[in-house]
Amino acid sequence: MKRMILCAALALLAAGTARAAEDCANASDQTTMDVCASEGFKKSDKQLNDLYKQVTARLKDDAATTKLLVTAQKAWVSFRDAECTFSSSAVAEGSAYPMIHSLCLDGLTQSRVKDLQTYLSCEEGDLSCPVPAAQ
């Protein structure tokens, strides 16, 4: 019986997630816009983490440069979070805050994604790039 309830709950959750994705294109209420903005940020954050792993893999033989990357990434996360808290502060007490905050997080994360993609596309001999070219 518990297994049937769990299966039914999972089916409803999957259907709700699919419906929510469709709703994002035509979101007309604040709750849906909040959820959609949050999901957009989660997608960007996953992409960022995947790229970060690729960069660290390329730096696996260079502990000093890896340490610099870790320091830079931690500082960037702190900046991103502080900047988005500041930039969304005008609506901090309002219903739009989750959406505005998530949109900021997503935008800055997408910028960092582009930075990491650039590092991963450096050509052999590019002295301005701290990440070695792919083998």
N, C-alpha and C. Protein backbone atom coordinates (compact mmCIF):
# COMPACT_ATOMS: atom_id res chain seq x y z
N MET A 1 0.82 -1.19 0.00
CA MET A 1 0.00 0.00 0.00
C MET A 1 0.87 1.26 0.00
N LYS A 2 1.91 1.28 0.84
CA LYS A 2 2.80 2.43 0.89
C LYS A 2 3.49 2.63 -0.46
N ARG A 3 3.82 1.52 -1.10
CA ARG A 3 4.49 1.59 -2.40
C ARG A 3 3.57 2.21 -3.45
N MET A 4 2.28 1.87 -3.41
CA MET A 4 1.32 2.43 -4.37
C MET A 4 1.17 3.93 -4.15
N ILE A 5 1.12 4.35 -2.90
CA ILE A 5 1.00 5.77 -2.59
C ILE A 5 2.24 6.52 -3.07
N LEU A 6 3.41 5.94 -2.84
CA LEU A 6 4.65 6.55 -3.28
C LEU A 6 4.67 6.68 -4.80
N CYS A 7 4.26 5.64 -5.51
CA CYS A 7 4.24 5.67 -6.97
C CYS A 7 3.26 6.74 -7.48
N ALA A 8 2.12 6.82 -6.84
CA ALA A 8 1.13 7.83 -7.24
C ALA A 8 1.68 9.23 -7.00
N ALA A 9 2.34 9.43 -5.88
CA ALA A 9 2.91 10.75 -5.57
C ALA A 9 3.99 11.11 -6.58
N LEU A 10 4.83 10.16 -6.95
CA LEU A 10 5.88 10.41 -7.94
C LEU A 10 5.28 10.73 -9.30
N ALA A 11 4.23 10.06 -9.67
CA ALA A 11 3.56 10.32 -10.95
C ALA A 11 2.98 11.73 -10.97
N LEU A 12 2.35 12.13 -9.88
CA LEU A 12 1.80 13.49 -9.79
C LEU A 12 2.91 14.54 -9.85
N LEU A 13 4.01 14.26 -9.18
CA LEU A 13 5.14 15.19 -9.19
C LEU A 13 5.70 15.33 -10.60
N ALA A 14 5.86 14.23 -11.32
CA ALA A 14 6.37 14.28 -12.68
C ALA A 14 5.43 15.05 -13.60
N ALA A 15 4.15 14.82 -13.45
CA ALA A 15 3.16 15.53 -14.27
C ALA A 15 3.18 17.02 -13.95
N GLY A 16 3.30 17.34 -12.69
CA GLY A 16 3.36 18.74 -12.28
C GLY A 16 4.60 19.43 -12.80
N THR A 17 5.73 18.73 -12.82
CA THR A 17 6.97 19.30 -13.32
C THR A 17 6.87 19.56 -14.81
N ALA A 18 6.30 18.62 -15.55
CA ALA A 18 6.13 18.81 -16.99
C ALA A 18 5.19 19.98 -17.27
N ARG A 19 4.11 20.07 -16.52
CA ARG A 19 3.16 21.16 -16.70
C ARG A 19 3.82 22.50 -16.35
N ALA A 20 4.63 22.51 -15.31
CA ALA A 20 5.31 23.75 -14.90
C ALA A 20 6.24 24.23 -16.00
N ALA A 21 6.94 23.31 -16.67
CA ALA A 21 7.85 23.70 -17.76
C ALA A 21 7.06 24.34 -18.90
N GLU A 22 5.91 23.79 -19.21
CA GLU A 22 5.06 24.38 -20.24
C GLU A 22 4.56 25.75 -19.80
N ASP A 23 4.23 25.88 -18.53
CA ASP A 23 3.69 27.12 -18.00
C ASP A 23 4.70 28.26 -18.01
N CYS A 24 5.99 27.96 -17.99
CA CYS A 24 7.01 29.01 -17.92
C CYS A 24 6.94 29.93 -19.14
N ALA A 25 6.65 29.38 -20.29
CA ALA A 25 6.58 30.21 -21.48
C ALA A 25 5.43 31.20 -21.42
N ASN A 26 4.39 30.84 -20.69
CA ASN A 26 3.19 31.68 -20.61
C ASN A 26 2.84 32.03 -19.17
N ALA A 27 3.83 32.11 -18.31
CA ALA A 27 3.58 32.36 -16.89
C ALA A 27 2.83 33.68 -16.72
N SER A 28 1.76 33.62 -15.94
CA SER A 28 0.96 34.83 -15.74
C SER A 28 0.69 35.11 -14.27
N ASP A 29 1.17 34.23 -13.39
CA ASP A 29 1.00 34.49 -11.96
C ASP A 29 2.37 34.46 -11.29
N GLN A 30 2.48 35.16 -10.18
CA GLN A 30 3.77 35.34 -9.53
C GLN A 30 4.39 34.02 -9.08
N THR A 31 3.56 33.11 -8.58
CA THR A 31 4.10 31.84 -8.11
C THR A 31 4.77 31.07 -9.24
N THR A 32 4.12 31.02 -10.38
CA THR A 32 4.71 30.33 -11.54
C THR A 32 5.97 31.03 -12.00
N MET A 33 5.96 32.35 -12.03
CA MET A 33 7.16 33.09 -12.43
C MET A 33 8.30 32.85 -11.45
N ASP A 34 8.00 32.77 -10.16
CA ASP A 34 9.02 32.48 -9.15
C ASP A 34 9.63 31.10 -9.40
N VAL A 35 8.78 30.11 -9.61
CA VAL A 35 9.24 28.74 -9.83
C VAL A 35 10.08 28.67 -11.10
N CYS A 36 9.62 29.30 -12.15
CA CYS A 36 10.35 29.26 -13.42
C CYS A 36 11.72 29.93 -13.30
N ALA A 37 11.77 31.06 -12.63
CA ALA A 37 13.05 31.74 -12.45
C ALA A 37 14.01 30.89 -11.62
N SER A 38 13.48 30.24 -10.59
CA SER A 38 14.30 29.37 -9.76
C SER A 38 14.83 28.18 -10.56
N GLU A 39 13.97 27.60 -11.37
CA GLU A 39 14.39 26.46 -12.20
C GLU A 39 15.45 26.88 -13.22
N GLY A 40 15.30 28.09 -13.77
CA GLY A 40 16.31 28.59 -14.70
C GLY A 40 17.66 28.73 -14.03
N PHE A 41 17.67 29.26 -12.81
CA PHE A 41 18.92 29.38 -12.07
C PHE A 41 19.51 28.01 -11.76
N LYS A 42 18.68 27.06 -11.35
CA LYS A 42 19.18 25.71 -11.04
C LYS A 42 19.85 25.09 -12.26
N LYS A 43 19.26 25.30 -13.43
CA LYS A 43 19.83 24.76 -14.67
C LYS A 43 21.19 25.41 -14.95
N SER A 44 21.27 26.73 -14.79
CA SER A 44 22.53 27.43 -15.01
C SER A 44 23.58 27.02 -13.99
N ASP A 45 23.17 26.83 -12.74
CA ASP A 45 24.10 26.43 -11.70
C ASP A 45 24.67 25.04 -11.97
N LYS A 46 23.84 24.15 -12.47
CA LYS A 46 24.33 22.81 -12.83
C LYS A 46 25.34 22.90 -13.97
N GLN A 47 25.03 23.73 -14.97
CA GLN A 47 25.95 23.92 -16.08
C GLN A 47 27.28 24.49 -15.57
N LEU A 48 27.21 25.46 -14.67
CA LEU A 48 28.41 26.04 -14.08
C LEU A 48 29.24 24.98 -13.36
N ASN A 49 28.59 24.18 -12.55
CA ASN A 49 29.31 23.14 -11.81
C ASN A 49 29.94 22.11 -12.73
N ASP A 50 29.25 21.75 -13.80
CA ASP A 50 29.82 20.81 -14.77
C ASP A 50 31.06 21.40 -15.44
N LEU A 51 31.00 22.66 -15.82
CA LEU A 51 32.16 23.30 -16.44
C LEU A 51 33.31 23.47 -15.45
N TYR A 52 32.99 23.81 -14.22
CA TYR A 52 34.01 23.95 -13.18
C TYR A 52 34.77 22.63 -13.01
N LYS A 53 34.06 21.52 -13.02
CA LYS A 53 34.70 20.20 -12.92
C LYS A 53 35.61 19.95 -14.11
N GLN A 54 35.20 20.39 -15.28
CA GLN A 54 36.03 20.21 -16.47
C GLN A 54 37.31 21.04 -16.37
N VAL A 55 37.18 22.26 -15.88
CA VAL A 55 38.36 23.12 -15.72
C VAL A 55 39.31 22.52 -14.69
N THR A 56 38.77 22.09 -13.55
CA THR A 56 39.65 21.51 -12.52
C THR A 56 40.30 20.22 -13.02
N ALA A 57 39.61 19.48 -13.86
CA ALA A 57 40.22 18.27 -14.43
C ALA A 57 41.41 18.63 -15.31
N ARG A 58 41.29 19.70 -16.07
CA ARG A 58 42.40 20.14 -16.91
C ARG A 58 43.57 20.64 -16.08
N LEU A 59 43.28 21.11 -14.88
CA LEU A 59 44.33 21.65 -14.00
C LEU A 59 44.87 20.62 -13.01
N LYS A 60 44.49 19.38 -13.17
CA LYS A 60 44.81 18.35 -12.16
C LYS A 60 46.30 18.22 -11.88
N ASP A 61 47.14 18.57 -12.83
CA ASP A 61 48.59 18.46 -12.63
C ASP A 61 49.24 19.77 -12.19
N ASP A 62 48.40 20.76 -11.87
CA ASP A 62 48.92 22.08 -11.50
C ASP A 62 48.21 22.56 -10.22
N ALA A 63 48.75 22.13 -9.08
CA ALA A 63 48.12 22.43 -7.79
C ALA A 63 48.03 23.93 -7.51
N ALA A 64 49.04 24.68 -7.90
CA ALA A 64 49.05 26.12 -7.62
C ALA A 64 47.95 26.84 -8.39
N THR A 65 47.78 26.50 -9.66
CA THR A 65 46.74 27.14 -10.46
C THR A 65 45.36 26.67 -10.01
N THR A 66 45.25 25.42 -9.62
CA THR A 66 43.98 24.91 -9.10
C THR A 66 43.58 25.69 -7.86
N LYS A 67 44.55 25.95 -6.99
CA LYS A 67 44.27 26.72 -5.77
C LYS A 67 43.79 28.12 -6.12
N LEU A 68 44.39 28.73 -7.13
CA LEU A 68 43.95 30.06 -7.58
C LEU A 68 42.52 30.02 -8.11
N LEU A 69 42.19 28.98 -8.86
CA LEU A 69 40.83 28.83 -9.37
C LEU A 69 39.83 28.67 -8.23
N VAL A 70 40.15 27.84 -7.27
CA VAL A 70 39.26 27.62 -6.12
C VAL A 70 39.02 28.94 -5.39
N THR A 71 40.09 29.70 -5.17
CA THR A 71 39.97 31.00 -4.50
C THR A 71 39.09 31.95 -5.32
N ALA A 72 39.33 31.99 -6.62
CA ALA A 72 38.55 32.86 -7.50
C ALA A 72 37.08 32.45 -7.50
N GLN A 73 36.82 31.16 -7.55
CA GLN A 73 35.43 30.70 -7.61
C GLN A 73 34.69 31.00 -6.31
N LYS A 74 35.35 30.79 -5.19
CA LYS A 74 34.72 31.12 -3.91
C LYS A 74 34.42 32.62 -3.82
N ALA A 75 35.36 33.43 -4.26
CA ALA A 75 35.15 34.88 -4.25
C ALA A 75 34.02 35.26 -5.20
N TRP A 76 33.97 34.61 -6.36
CA TRP A 76 32.91 34.91 -7.32
C TRP A 76 31.54 34.54 -6.74
N VAL A 77 31.43 33.38 -6.09
CA VAL A 77 30.14 32.97 -5.49
C VAL A 77 29.72 33.98 -4.43
N SER A 78 30.67 34.42 -3.61
CA SER A 78 30.35 35.43 -2.60
C SER A 78 29.88 36.72 -3.23
N PHE A 79 30.57 37.14 -4.29
CA PHE A 79 30.16 38.35 -5.01
C PHE A 79 28.77 38.18 -5.60
N ARG A 80 28.54 37.06 -6.30
CA ARG A 80 27.24 36.82 -6.94
C ARG A 80 26.11 36.90 -5.92
N ASP A 81 26.29 36.21 -4.82
CA ASP A 81 25.23 36.18 -3.80
C ASP A 81 25.00 37.56 -3.19
N ALA A 82 26.08 38.28 -2.89
CA ALA A 82 25.94 39.62 -2.31
C ALA A 82 25.33 40.59 -3.32
N GLU A 83 25.77 40.52 -4.55
CA GLU A 83 25.25 41.41 -5.59
C GLU A 83 23.75 41.18 -5.81
N CYS A 84 23.34 39.92 -5.83
CA CYS A 84 21.92 39.63 -6.06
C CYS A 84 21.06 40.00 -4.85
N THR A 85 21.60 39.87 -3.66
CA THR A 85 20.88 40.32 -2.48
C THR A 85 20.70 41.84 -2.55
N PHE A 86 21.77 42.54 -2.93
CA PHE A 86 21.68 44.00 -3.07
C PHE A 86 20.73 44.40 -4.20
N SER A 87 20.91 43.81 -5.38
CA SER A 87 20.14 44.27 -6.53
C SER A 87 18.66 43.94 -6.43
N SER A 88 18.31 42.97 -5.61
CA SER A 88 16.89 42.64 -5.43
C SER A 88 16.32 43.22 -4.14
N SER A 89 17.10 44.03 -3.46
CA SER A 89 16.67 44.55 -2.16
C SER A 89 15.46 45.49 -2.24
N ALA A 90 15.24 46.11 -3.39
CA ALA A 90 14.10 47.01 -3.52
C ALA A 90 12.77 46.27 -3.40
N VAL A 91 12.80 44.97 -3.66
CA VAL A 91 11.56 44.17 -3.56
C VAL A 91 11.68 43.10 -2.48
N ALA A 92 12.59 43.30 -1.54
CA ALA A 92 12.89 42.28 -0.53
C ALA A 92 11.68 41.82 0.26
N GLU A 93 10.73 42.69 0.46
CA GLU A 93 9.54 42.33 1.23
C GLU A 93 8.36 41.97 0.34
N GLY A 94 8.56 41.96 -0.97
CA GLY A 94 7.45 41.74 -1.89
C GLY A 94 7.38 40.34 -2.45
N SER A 95 6.29 40.07 -3.11
CA SER A 95 6.07 38.75 -3.69
C SER A 95 6.96 38.49 -4.90
N ALA A 96 7.50 39.54 -5.51
CA ALA A 96 8.37 39.36 -6.67
C ALA A 96 9.81 39.06 -6.29
N TYR A 97 10.15 39.16 -5.00
CA TYR A 97 11.54 38.96 -4.58
C TYR A 97 12.13 37.63 -5.05
N PRO A 98 11.46 36.49 -4.86
CA PRO A 98 12.09 35.24 -5.32
C PRO A 98 12.42 35.25 -6.81
N MET A 99 11.55 35.81 -7.61
CA MET A 99 11.79 35.85 -9.05
C MET A 99 12.96 36.79 -9.37
N ILE A 100 12.93 38.00 -8.82
CA ILE A 100 13.99 38.98 -9.09
C ILE A 100 15.34 38.44 -8.63
N HIS A 101 15.37 37.86 -7.46
CA HIS A 101 16.62 37.31 -6.92
C HIS A 101 17.12 36.16 -7.79
N SER A 102 16.24 35.25 -8.17
CA SER A 102 16.64 34.11 -9.02
C SER A 102 17.11 34.57 -10.39
N LEU A 103 16.44 35.57 -10.97
CA LEU A 103 16.86 36.09 -12.27
C LEU A 103 18.25 36.69 -12.20
N CYS A 104 18.56 37.37 -11.11
CA CYS A 104 19.90 37.93 -10.91
C CYS A 104 20.92 36.80 -10.80
N LEU A 105 20.64 35.82 -9.95
CA LEU A 105 21.55 34.68 -9.79
C LEU A 105 21.79 34.00 -11.13
N ASP A 106 20.73 33.81 -11.89
CA ASP A 106 20.83 33.15 -13.19
C ASP A 106 21.68 33.97 -14.15
N GLY A 107 21.44 35.28 -14.21
CA GLY A 107 22.20 36.12 -15.13
C GLY A 107 23.69 36.14 -14.82
N LEU A 108 24.04 36.30 -13.56
CA LEU A 108 25.46 36.30 -13.19
C LEU A 108 26.08 34.93 -13.38
N THR A 109 25.32 33.88 -13.11
CA THR A 109 25.83 32.53 -13.31
C THR A 109 26.09 32.27 -14.78
N GLN A 110 25.19 32.73 -15.65
CA GLN A 110 25.41 32.56 -17.08
C GLN A 110 26.67 33.31 -17.54
N SER A 111 26.95 34.45 -16.95
CA SER A 111 28.18 35.17 -17.28
C SER A 111 29.41 34.35 -16.89
N ARG A 112 29.35 33.75 -15.72
CA ARG A 112 30.48 32.92 -15.26
C ARG A 112 30.61 31.67 -16.12
N VAL A 113 29.48 31.11 -16.55
CA VAL A 113 29.50 29.96 -17.46
C VAL A 113 30.29 30.33 -18.72
N LYS A 114 30.04 31.50 -19.26
CA LYS A 114 30.77 31.95 -20.47
C LYS A 114 32.26 32.08 -20.18
N ASP A 115 32.61 32.58 -18.99
CA ASP A 115 34.02 32.68 -18.62
C ASP A 115 34.68 31.30 -18.62
N LEU A 116 34.04 30.35 -17.97
CA LEU A 116 34.62 29.01 -17.89
C LEU A 116 34.67 28.34 -19.26
N GLN A 117 33.67 28.57 -20.10
CA GLN A 117 33.69 28.03 -21.46
C GLN A 117 34.87 28.60 -22.24
N THR A 118 35.16 29.88 -22.02
CA THR A 118 36.31 30.51 -22.68
C THR A 118 37.60 29.84 -22.24
N TYR A 119 37.73 29.58 -20.95
CA TYR A 119 38.94 28.89 -20.45
C TYR A 119 39.08 27.51 -21.08
N LEU A 120 37.98 26.85 -21.30
CA LEU A 120 38.03 25.50 -21.87
C LEU A 120 38.29 25.49 -23.37
N SER A 121 38.21 26.64 -24.01
CA SER A 121 38.42 26.68 -25.46
C SER A 121 39.74 27.37 -25.84
N CYS A 122 40.63 27.53 -24.88
CA CYS A 122 41.92 28.14 -25.16
C CYS A 122 42.72 27.25 -26.11
N GLU A 123 43.45 27.90 -26.98
CA GLU A 123 44.30 27.16 -27.91
C GLU A 123 45.69 26.98 -27.31
N GLU A 124 46.36 25.95 -27.76
CA GLU A 124 47.73 25.68 -27.33
C GLU A 124 48.59 26.91 -27.58
N GLY A 125 49.35 27.31 -26.57
CA GLY A 125 50.24 28.45 -26.70
C GLY A 125 49.64 29.79 -26.33
N ASP A 126 48.35 29.83 -25.97
CA ASP A 126 47.70 31.07 -25.56
C ASP A 126 48.20 31.44 -24.16
N LEU A 127 49.09 32.41 -24.09
CA LEU A 127 49.71 32.77 -22.83
C LEU A 127 48.76 33.52 -21.90
N SER A 128 47.65 33.99 -22.41
CA SER A 128 46.68 34.72 -21.58
C SER A 128 45.67 33.79 -20.93
N CYS A 129 45.81 32.50 -21.16
CA CYS A 129 44.84 31.54 -20.64
C CYS A 129 45.48 30.66 -19.56
N PRO A 130 44.89 30.61 -18.37
CA PRO A 130 45.46 29.82 -17.28
C PRO A 130 45.14 28.32 -17.37
N VAL A 131 44.31 27.93 -18.33
CA VAL A 131 43.88 26.53 -18.43
C VAL A 131 44.52 25.93 -19.68
N PRO A 132 45.20 24.79 -19.52
CA PRO A 132 45.83 24.18 -20.68
C PRO A 132 44.81 23.73 -21.72
N ALA A 133 45.23 23.73 -22.98
CA ALA A 133 44.36 23.29 -24.06
C ALA A 133 44.03 21.79 -23.89
N ALA A 134 42.91 21.40 -24.46
CA ALA A 134 42.51 19.99 -24.40
C ALA A 134 43.51 19.13 -25.15
N GLN A 135 43.72 17.95 -24.67
CA GLN A 135 44.67 17.02 -25.32
C GLN A 135 44.01 16.24 -26.41
